[in-house]
N, C-alpha and C. Protein backbone atom coordinates (compact mmCIF):
# COMPACT_ATOMS: atom_id res chain seq x y z
N MET A 1 -2.80 -30.24 89.57
CA MET A 1 -1.37 -30.49 89.47
C MET A 1 -1.17 -31.97 89.15
N ILE A 2 -0.22 -32.25 88.31
CA ILE A 2 0.09 -33.62 87.91
C ILE A 2 0.85 -34.32 89.04
N ASN A 3 0.46 -35.54 89.35
CA ASN A 3 1.17 -36.34 90.34
C ASN A 3 2.43 -36.89 89.67
N VAL A 4 3.59 -36.29 89.92
CA VAL A 4 4.82 -36.68 89.23
C VAL A 4 5.38 -37.99 89.76
N PHE A 5 4.78 -38.55 90.80
CA PHE A 5 5.25 -39.83 91.32
C PHE A 5 4.54 -41.01 90.67
N ASN A 6 3.53 -40.70 89.89
CA ASN A 6 2.81 -41.71 89.13
C ASN A 6 3.66 -42.13 87.94
N LYS A 7 3.84 -43.43 87.70
CA LYS A 7 4.69 -43.90 86.60
C LYS A 7 4.26 -43.31 85.26
N GLU A 8 2.97 -43.21 85.02
CA GLU A 8 2.48 -42.68 83.75
C GLU A 8 2.80 -41.19 83.60
N ALA A 9 2.94 -40.47 84.71
CA ALA A 9 3.21 -39.04 84.66
C ALA A 9 4.69 -38.72 84.76
N ALA A 10 5.55 -39.72 84.87
CA ALA A 10 6.98 -39.49 85.03
C ALA A 10 7.56 -38.67 83.88
N VAL A 11 7.01 -38.81 82.70
CA VAL A 11 7.50 -38.06 81.55
C VAL A 11 7.30 -36.55 81.75
N TYR A 12 6.39 -36.15 82.60
CA TYR A 12 6.12 -34.74 82.87
C TYR A 12 6.78 -34.23 84.15
N SER A 13 7.66 -35.00 84.74
CA SER A 13 8.19 -34.67 86.06
C SER A 13 8.95 -33.35 86.10
N LYS A 14 9.49 -32.86 84.99
CA LYS A 14 10.24 -31.61 84.98
C LYS A 14 9.45 -30.44 84.42
N LEU A 15 8.20 -30.66 84.04
CA LEU A 15 7.39 -29.66 83.37
C LEU A 15 7.30 -28.35 84.14
N PHE A 16 7.13 -28.42 85.45
CA PHE A 16 6.93 -27.22 86.26
C PHE A 16 8.19 -26.75 86.96
N LEU A 17 9.35 -27.31 86.60
CA LEU A 17 10.61 -26.90 87.21
C LEU A 17 11.26 -25.80 86.38
N PRO A 18 12.01 -24.90 87.04
CA PRO A 18 12.70 -23.83 86.31
C PRO A 18 13.76 -24.41 85.37
N ILE A 19 14.09 -23.64 84.33
CA ILE A 19 15.11 -24.05 83.36
C ILE A 19 15.75 -22.77 82.82
N GLU A 20 17.00 -22.89 82.38
CA GLU A 20 17.67 -21.77 81.72
C GLU A 20 17.91 -22.15 80.27
N VAL A 21 17.48 -21.29 79.36
CA VAL A 21 17.63 -21.53 77.93
C VAL A 21 18.30 -20.32 77.32
N GLY A 22 19.47 -20.52 76.75
CA GLY A 22 20.18 -19.40 76.13
C GLY A 22 20.46 -18.25 77.07
N GLY A 23 20.73 -18.56 78.33
CA GLY A 23 21.03 -17.53 79.32
C GLY A 23 19.80 -16.85 79.91
N ILE A 24 18.61 -17.29 79.51
CA ILE A 24 17.36 -16.71 80.03
C ILE A 24 16.70 -17.71 80.97
N GLY A 25 16.44 -17.30 82.21
CA GLY A 25 15.79 -18.16 83.18
C GLY A 25 14.28 -18.17 83.00
N LEU A 26 13.71 -19.37 82.96
CA LEU A 26 12.26 -19.53 82.83
C LEU A 26 11.71 -20.23 84.06
N ASP A 27 10.51 -19.85 84.51
CA ASP A 27 9.91 -20.44 85.71
C ASP A 27 9.49 -21.88 85.50
N ASN A 28 9.16 -22.25 84.24
CA ASN A 28 8.72 -23.61 83.95
C ASN A 28 9.01 -23.89 82.48
N ARG A 29 8.57 -25.01 81.98
CA ARG A 29 8.88 -25.41 80.61
C ARG A 29 7.66 -25.37 79.70
N ILE A 30 6.66 -24.59 80.08
CA ILE A 30 5.45 -24.46 79.29
C ILE A 30 5.64 -23.29 78.33
N THR A 31 5.39 -23.50 77.06
CA THR A 31 5.58 -22.45 76.07
C THR A 31 4.31 -22.24 75.25
N MET A 32 4.30 -21.18 74.51
CA MET A 32 3.19 -20.90 73.61
C MET A 32 3.71 -21.02 72.18
N ALA A 33 3.12 -21.88 71.43
CA ALA A 33 3.52 -22.06 70.03
C ALA A 33 3.05 -20.87 69.21
N PRO A 34 3.84 -20.49 68.20
CA PRO A 34 3.38 -19.41 67.32
C PRO A 34 2.17 -19.87 66.53
N LEU A 35 1.18 -19.03 66.46
CA LEU A 35 -0.07 -19.38 65.79
C LEU A 35 -0.45 -18.30 64.79
N PHE A 36 -1.18 -18.67 63.77
CA PHE A 36 -1.75 -17.67 62.87
C PHE A 36 -3.03 -17.17 63.49
N LEU A 37 -3.07 -15.89 63.79
CA LEU A 37 -4.23 -15.31 64.45
C LEU A 37 -5.03 -14.41 63.52
N GLY A 38 -4.48 -14.06 62.39
CA GLY A 38 -5.17 -13.14 61.49
C GLY A 38 -5.17 -11.72 62.02
N TYR A 39 -4.22 -11.36 62.88
CA TYR A 39 -4.17 -10.04 63.49
C TYR A 39 -3.31 -9.06 62.70
N ALA A 40 -2.69 -9.47 61.63
CA ALA A 40 -1.83 -8.58 60.86
C ALA A 40 -2.67 -7.52 60.16
N ALA A 41 -2.03 -6.39 59.92
CA ALA A 41 -2.68 -5.31 59.19
C ALA A 41 -2.53 -5.57 57.69
N GLU A 42 -3.06 -4.68 56.90
CA GLU A 42 -2.97 -4.78 55.45
C GLU A 42 -1.52 -4.95 55.01
N GLY A 43 -1.29 -5.86 54.10
CA GLY A 43 0.07 -6.12 53.61
C GLY A 43 0.93 -6.89 54.59
N ARG A 44 0.30 -7.59 55.51
CA ARG A 44 0.98 -8.41 56.53
C ARG A 44 1.83 -7.59 57.49
N ALA A 45 1.47 -6.35 57.69
CA ALA A 45 2.19 -5.47 58.62
C ALA A 45 1.71 -5.74 60.05
N VAL A 46 2.54 -5.37 61.01
CA VAL A 46 2.18 -5.52 62.42
C VAL A 46 1.06 -4.53 62.75
N SER A 47 0.03 -5.02 63.40
CA SER A 47 -1.11 -4.17 63.76
C SER A 47 -1.12 -3.90 65.26
N LYS A 48 -1.94 -2.93 65.66
CA LYS A 48 -2.09 -2.64 67.09
C LYS A 48 -2.67 -3.84 67.83
N LEU A 49 -3.59 -4.55 67.19
CA LEU A 49 -4.18 -5.73 67.80
C LEU A 49 -3.13 -6.82 68.04
N MET A 50 -2.24 -7.00 67.07
CA MET A 50 -1.18 -8.00 67.21
C MET A 50 -0.25 -7.63 68.37
N LEU A 51 0.14 -6.37 68.44
CA LEU A 51 0.99 -5.91 69.54
C LEU A 51 0.32 -6.11 70.89
N LYS A 52 -0.97 -5.79 70.96
CA LYS A 52 -1.72 -5.98 72.21
C LYS A 52 -1.75 -7.45 72.61
N HIS A 53 -2.01 -8.33 71.65
CA HIS A 53 -2.07 -9.76 71.92
C HIS A 53 -0.75 -10.27 72.50
N TYR A 54 0.34 -9.98 71.83
CA TYR A 54 1.64 -10.48 72.30
C TYR A 54 2.08 -9.81 73.59
N ARG A 55 1.69 -8.55 73.81
CA ARG A 55 2.00 -7.89 75.07
C ARG A 55 1.28 -8.61 76.22
N LEU A 56 0.00 -8.95 76.02
CA LEU A 56 -0.75 -9.67 77.04
C LEU A 56 -0.18 -11.05 77.30
N MET A 57 0.24 -11.75 76.24
CA MET A 57 0.83 -13.09 76.40
C MET A 57 2.15 -12.99 77.17
N ALA A 58 2.95 -11.97 76.88
CA ALA A 58 4.23 -11.81 77.57
C ALA A 58 4.04 -11.48 79.05
N GLN A 59 2.96 -10.81 79.39
CA GLN A 59 2.71 -10.43 80.78
C GLN A 59 2.01 -11.50 81.59
N SER A 60 1.43 -12.49 80.93
CA SER A 60 0.67 -13.51 81.66
C SER A 60 1.57 -14.25 82.64
N GLY A 61 1.06 -14.43 83.82
CA GLY A 61 1.81 -15.14 84.86
C GLY A 61 2.79 -14.28 85.62
N GLN A 62 2.90 -13.03 85.25
CA GLN A 62 3.83 -12.13 85.94
C GLN A 62 3.14 -11.51 87.15
N PRO A 63 3.88 -11.39 88.26
CA PRO A 63 3.29 -10.79 89.46
C PRO A 63 3.00 -9.31 89.29
């Protein structure tokens, strides 16, 4: 855990605090950037692998 009382870490002091964005409550401010994974099917269609990947990412951290 980051020591938020350290002057150098002050910029991260809100990182682990809840926030509401567009009416949606989030537990913290950590996000996952969209990445090219090469999981698309032929013709850039959504594949089963892509759905599985994003389903797992959406469930991570959930009780």
